[in-house]
Amino acid sequence: MTTAYTSLLGLALPVTGELSGTWGDTVNDQITALLDSAIAGTTTLSTDADVTLTTTTGAANTSRQAVLLCSGARTVLRTITAAQSKIYTVINATTGGFSVKLVGVGPTTGVTIIAGESAVCAWNGSDFIKTSSTIANAAGSNTQVQFNNSGVLGGSANLTWSGTALAVTGTVAVTGALTATLDSTFSSTGALIISKGTTGQRPTPASGMLRFNTTTFEFEGYNGTAWASVGGAALSNDTSTATDVFPLFANATTGTASTLFTGNASLLYKPSTGEFKARVPVASNGIVVNSQTVATSYTIAAGFSAMSAGPITLSGGAVVTLSSGSRWVVQ
């Protein structure tokens, strides 16, 4: 009978009466040394390429090592195919900002280890999962984060970061709430996709909320009192303000105006009365038009005079009052 090997680590299984005079070499080389590397050995992967670790018996089994150290530059996400039913500590110490992915023979879905992350990965019977993970922050210290099989924060727990900085160069999907207690910076040349939904799908409001409304096709934020458009001004018809205000000229007549232009003291409007004041009214077509009916009482203030093209009819009990020194000329 010849020496057999274990199915998982490929360790030698000498049979009784075999290896006379060479037993010690077999124990040292095919059992003790291999078991040592399986528990504490490191395989360094520095090539910018996908890697399949061998699962043969004896010393040629490169899937046996306990630690998979990924180093050197990466230009894309790289895949490591390793032996199943094995616990690995995977360290992504690569440069370039790309992840590495550990999969089993088959292949399987596997787990993704982002740049700067170290993760303990175990076989759960059908795929690799992360049992723990450490991500180095900008200050050089580490924070433990628990991920599930897809690299997503497991369960319904929240991810809260209160350290100096959390640098993420890949994609992080969080199924719970993500809370940052310090300022956040997004420095890519791409775009940030924020929450979106219909008006009826608005969440319970809290001051500072920001979302995209798919009913109105507008960005909106909650200002502590109401949802308001962001990046534009909602148009409304003011008929109650009783003081002179500066008229605004919009590039839209309904919905939300993206550009507003303001007047000045030379052009004023009083919403409560409808009075319009201009320093020099100019009728470019040569015609100034007035109604022949005065339906609302009006007082011509002191220091002002008025003129109307007649005939003029006072309707519905309307009264025109002339202040002292004022004139009203009807022609």
Foldseek 3Di string as FASTA:
>chain_A
DAWAADQAQQATDGDPPPDVPHVVVSCVQRPVVSVVQLVANEDEAEDQEAEEAACDHGPSGRLRGAEYEYEEEYDEEYEYEHAAQGKHWYAQQYPDFYWYFYAYPVTALTEIATHQKIFIWHHPPGIIWTPWMWHQFPVGDIDIAHATGHQERDDQDEAEDEDPGHDHSDDYHYNYHYYYPDDDDDPDPDDDADAEEAPVPDDDADAPDWYAHPNLRFIWGDHHPDIAGDQWHADDQDQDAADKDWDKDFPDDHGTGNDIDTHDPQWIAGNNVGDIHHVDDDDPVPDDDDDQEDAAAEEQDPPEEEEEEDDHYYPDPHHYHYDPPYYYYYD
